[in-house]
Each structure stands twice: as structure tokens, then as C-alpha cells.
C-alpha atoms as a PDB file:
ATOM      1  CA  MET A   1       1.898 -23.373   4.548  1.00  0.00           C
ATOM      2  CA  THR A   2       3.500 -20.358   5.742  1.00  0.00           C
ATOM      3  CA  ARG A   3       6.946 -20.442   7.915  1.00  0.00           C
ATOM      4  CA  HIS A   4       7.474 -18.659  10.706  1.00  0.00           C
ATOM      5  CA  TYR A   5      10.551 -16.398  10.427  1.00  0.00           C
ATOM      6  CA  THR A   6      12.014 -18.284  13.717  1.00  0.00           C
ATOM      7  CA  GLN A   7      11.792 -21.816  11.832  1.00  0.00           C
ATOM      8  CA  TRP A   8      14.555 -21.156   9.143  1.00  0.00           C
ATOM      9  CA  THR A   9      17.804 -22.568   9.395  1.00  0.00           C
ATOM     10  CA  LEU A  10      21.016 -20.385   8.161  1.00  0.00           C
ATOM     11  CA  PRO A  11      22.035 -22.777   5.934  1.00  0.00           C
ATOM     12  CA  GLU A  12      18.750 -22.619   4.170  1.00  0.00           C
ATOM     13  CA  LEU A  13      18.632 -19.060   4.170  1.00  0.00           C
ATOM     14  CA  ARG A  14      22.459 -18.764   2.997  1.00  0.00           C
ATOM     15  CA  ARG A  15      21.460 -21.465   0.304  1.00  0.00           C
ATOM     16  CA  ILE A  16      18.362 -19.238  -0.441  1.00  0.00           C
ATOM     17  CA  SER A  17      20.662 -16.189  -0.346  1.00  0.00           C
ATOM     18  CA  ALA A  18      23.291 -17.699  -2.817  1.00  0.00           C
ATOM     19  CA  ARG A  19      20.066 -18.624  -5.472  1.00  0.00           C
ATOM     20  CA  ARG A  20      19.375 -14.962  -5.779  1.00  0.00           C
ATOM     21  CA  LEU A  21      22.880 -14.128  -5.980  1.00  0.00           C
ATOM     22  CA  ALA A  22      23.373 -16.170  -9.072  1.00  0.00           C
ATOM     23  CA  GLY A  23      20.265 -14.412 -10.714  1.00  0.00           C
ATOM     24  CA  GLU A  24      17.331 -16.649  -9.912  1.00  0.00           C
ATOM     25  CA  GLY A  25      14.384 -14.894  -9.455  1.00  0.00           C
ATOM     26  CA  TRP A  26      12.447 -15.013  -6.494  1.00  0.00           C
ATOM     27  CA  ALA A  27       8.771 -15.989  -8.464  1.00  0.00           C
ATOM     28  CA  THR A  28      10.950 -19.431  -8.656  1.00  0.00           C
ATOM     29  CA  ILE A  29      12.979 -19.579  -5.150  1.00  0.00           C
ATOM     30  CA  VAL A  30       9.576 -18.891  -3.531  1.00  0.00           C
ATOM     31  CA  ALA A  31       8.021 -21.533  -5.150  1.00  0.00           C
ATOM     32  CA  ASP A  32       9.689 -23.835  -3.783  1.00  0.00           C
ATOM     33  CA  TYR A  33       9.435 -22.714  -0.119  1.00  0.00           C
ATOM     34  CA  GLU A  34       5.548 -21.509  -0.155  1.00  0.00           C
ATOM     35  CA  VAL A  35       6.290 -18.682   1.489  1.00  0.00           C
ATOM     36  CA  GLY A  36       6.026 -14.638   0.202  1.00  0.00           C
ATOM     37  CA  LYS A  37       8.793 -12.931  -1.306  1.00  0.00           C
ATOM     38  CA  ASP A  38       8.473 -10.408   2.261  1.00  0.00           C
ATOM     39  CA  ALA A  39       9.174 -12.957   4.503  1.00  0.00           C
ATOM     40  CA  LEU A  40      12.448 -14.394   2.704  1.00  0.00           C
ATOM     41  CA  ARG A  41      13.656 -11.172   2.426  1.00  0.00           C
ATOM     42  CA  GLN A  42      12.748 -10.334   5.618  1.00  0.00           C
ATOM     43  CA  ALA A  43      14.551 -13.715   7.210  1.00  0.00           C
ATOM     44  CA  LEU A  44      17.577 -12.875   4.876  1.00  0.00           C
ATOM     45  CA  LEU A  45      17.547  -9.517   6.459  1.00  0.00           C
ATOM     46  CA  ARG A  46      17.274 -10.870  10.083  1.00  0.00           C
ATOM     47  CA  ASN A  47      20.738 -12.562   9.172  1.00  0.00           C
ATOM     48  CA  GLY A  48      22.259 -10.371   7.745  1.00  0.00           C
ATOM     49  CA  LEU A  49      22.679 -12.064   4.010  1.00  0.00           C
ATOM     50  CA  ALA A  50      20.545  -9.683   2.225  1.00  0.00           C
ATOM     51  CA  HIS A  51      23.661  -8.000   0.893  1.00  0.00           C
ATOM     52  CA  GLY A  52      24.885  -7.921  -2.741  1.00  0.00           C
ATOM     53  CA  LEU A  53      20.863  -8.314  -3.412  1.00  0.00           C
ATOM     54  CA  ARG A  54      19.394  -4.988  -4.892  1.00  0.00           C
ATOM     55  CA  LYS A  55      20.150  -4.034  -8.334  1.00  0.00           C
ATOM     56  CA  PRO A  56      23.126  -2.263  -9.340  1.00  0.00           C
ATOM     57  CA  GLY A  57      22.968   1.096  -8.960  1.00  0.00           C
ATOM     58  CA  ASP A  58      20.299   1.690  -6.513  1.00  0.00           C
ATOM     59  CA  GLU A  59      23.081   2.658  -3.486  1.00  0.00           C
ATOM     60  CA  ARG A  60      24.002   5.670  -5.778  1.00  0.00           C
ATOM     61  CA  LEU A  61      20.581   6.265  -5.961  1.00  0.00           C
ATOM     62  CA  ASP A  62      19.841   5.867  -2.513  1.00  0.00           C
ATOM     63  CA  GLU A  63      22.945   7.997  -1.713  1.00  0.00           C
ATOM     64  CA  ALA A  64      21.139  10.942  -3.958  1.00  0.00           C
ATOM     65  CA  ILE A  65      17.972  10.758  -2.859  1.00  0.00           C
ATOM     66  CA  ILE A  66      19.449  10.767   0.778  1.00  0.00           C
ATOM     67  CA  LEU A  67      21.291  14.171  -0.333  1.00  0.00           C
ATOM     68  CA  GLU A  68      18.021  15.500  -1.621  1.00  0.00           C
ATOM     69  CA  ALA A  69      16.455  14.708   1.264  1.00  0.00           C
ATOM     70  CA  ILE A  70      18.879  16.797   3.887  1.00  0.00           C
ATOM     71  CA  ARG A  71      18.886  19.425   2.159  1.00  0.00           C
ATOM     72  CA  LEU A  72      15.327  19.416   1.844  1.00  0.00           C
ATOM     73  CA  ARG A  73      14.784  18.504   6.176  1.00  0.00           C
ATOM     74  CA  ASN A  74      16.963  21.235   6.786  1.00  0.00           C
ATOM     75  CA  ALA A  75      14.856  23.278   4.886  1.00  0.00           C
ATOM     76  CA  GLN A  76      12.364  22.427   7.245  1.00  0.00           C
ATOM     77  CA  TRP A  77      10.081  20.139   5.279  1.00  0.00           C
ATOM     78  CA  THR A  78       8.788  17.358   7.434  1.00  0.00           C
ATOM     79  CA  TRP A  79       9.605  13.465   6.403  1.00  0.00           C
ATOM     80  CA  PRO A  80       6.571  12.111   5.113  1.00  0.00           C
ATOM     81  CA  ASP A  81       6.428  14.998   2.051  1.00  0.00           C
ATOM     82  CA  ILE A  82       9.811  14.474   2.266  1.00  0.00           C
ATOM     83  CA  VAL A  83       9.216  10.935   0.717  1.00  0.00           C
ATOM     84  CA  HIS A  84       6.721  11.916  -0.860  1.00  0.00           C
ATOM     85  CA  HIS A  85       8.423  14.749  -3.083  1.00  0.00           C
ATOM     86  CA  THR A  86      11.357  12.351  -3.365  1.00  0.00           C
ATOM     87  CA  ARG A  87       9.753   9.107  -4.116  1.00  0.00           C
ATOM     88  CA  TRP A  88      11.369   7.503  -1.520  1.00  0.00           C
ATOM     89  CA  PRO A  89      10.326   2.890  -1.726  1.00  0.00           C
ATOM     90  CA  ARG A  90      10.631   2.971   1.808  1.00  0.00           C
ATOM     91  CA  THR A  91       9.100   4.505   5.045  1.00  0.00           C
ATOM     92  CA  TRP A  92       9.977   7.437   5.931  1.00  0.00           C
ATOM     93  CA  GLN A  93      11.316   6.061   9.111  1.00  0.00           C
ATOM     94  CA  ALA A  94      13.877   4.658   6.913  1.00  0.00           C
ATOM     95  CA  LEU A  95      14.448   7.994   5.175  1.00  0.00           C
ATOM     96  CA  ARG A  96      15.101   9.692   8.536  1.00  0.00           C
ATOM     97  CA  LYS A  97      17.337   7.212   9.918  1.00  0.00           C
ATOM     98  CA  ALA A  98      19.331   7.083   6.536  1.00  0.00           C
ATOM     99  CA  CYS A  99      19.766  10.728   6.346  1.00  0.00           C
ATOM    100  CA  HIS A 100      20.948  10.429  10.488  1.00  0.00           C
ATOM    101  CA  THR A 101      23.517   7.822   9.595  1.00  0.00           C
ATOM    102  CA  HIS A 102      24.972   9.459   6.586  1.00  0.00           C
ATOM    103  CA  ALA A 103      25.396  12.502   8.595  1.00  0.00           C
ATOM    104  CA  GLN A 104      27.134  10.787  10.893  1.00  0.00           C
ATOM    105  CA  GLN A 105      29.756   9.897   9.159  1.00  0.00           C
ATOM    106  CA  ARG A 106      30.004  12.793   6.837  1.00  0.00           C
ATOM    107  CA  ARG A 107      29.808  14.356  10.089  1.00  0.00           C
ATOM    108  CA  CYS A 108      26.791  17.006   8.983  1.00  0.00           C
ATOM    109  CA  THR A 109      23.155  17.814  10.565  1.00  0.00           C
ATOM    110  CA  VAL A 110      20.053  16.931   9.631  1.00  0.00           C
ATOM    111  CA  TRP A 111      17.687  19.547  11.876  1.00  0.00           C
ATOM    112  CA  CYS A 112      16.124  17.231  14.013  1.00  0.00           C
ATOM    113  CA  GLY A 113      12.611  20.244  14.519  1.00  0.00           C
ATOM    114  CA  ARG A 114      13.993  21.086  17.908  1.00  0.00           C
ATOM    115  CA  GLY A 115      14.271  24.488  19.392  1.00  0.00           C
ATOM    116  CA  GLN A 116      12.141  25.671  17.073  1.00  0.00           C
ATOM    117  CA  ALA A 117       8.587  27.289  17.353  1.00  0.00           C
END
């Protein structure tokens, strides 16, 4: 039985988020709802309830990868090459967005590939 993401109620998603924040594993939560882990995670993300579900230290790791990615991109590397080199765990589009957001917050620039032959 697979549930579509629009079938989740907000109180139900809050209970799932609370269980995960309490340290319960995805395997036991998934078993109770008979859906895949990715479906639950996406439902939580869509409803803004995924905060704090990552392991401690992930944010620092992401920042180090983002700084390295900005450095490589400014050296005119391609996004797929940067993802491979830095071992970014998500898509290159997510890395590009994270780099541009970081650069905007820090008032620096990321090479966009415009105006180069």
C-alpha cells in the first residue's frame, strides 16, 4: 500500500517528525505507515517538518563542501565534476542552489559561466 503525499494530515506528519526527533529509526516508523522512507521524508520536507532530522554535524559538513564547491566553481569546474570531487550526497542542482544561497548570504559570487568562450 502506497500513500500519495497529499493524503498525509498535518497532525500525522507532526507525530512522525516527533518520533524521528525522539531517536526512533526510520525502519520502525516506515513499518507502521507501510510506505517507503523517501515518501515520508518528502512529505515532511514539503510541510516544513524536516528540521532537526539530520545527524549532528551534517550542517558543518555541508558548509565545508559548499565552500570547496564555490572555490572549484570559481576555478570554472562543472557542477557534475564538483559533485563527484566533493562527494556531495545530493544532486548537482541542489549543490548549485546551496552555493548560490551561501554566496548571496555572504555577499560573494559564484561563477555562472556567462560571458566565457
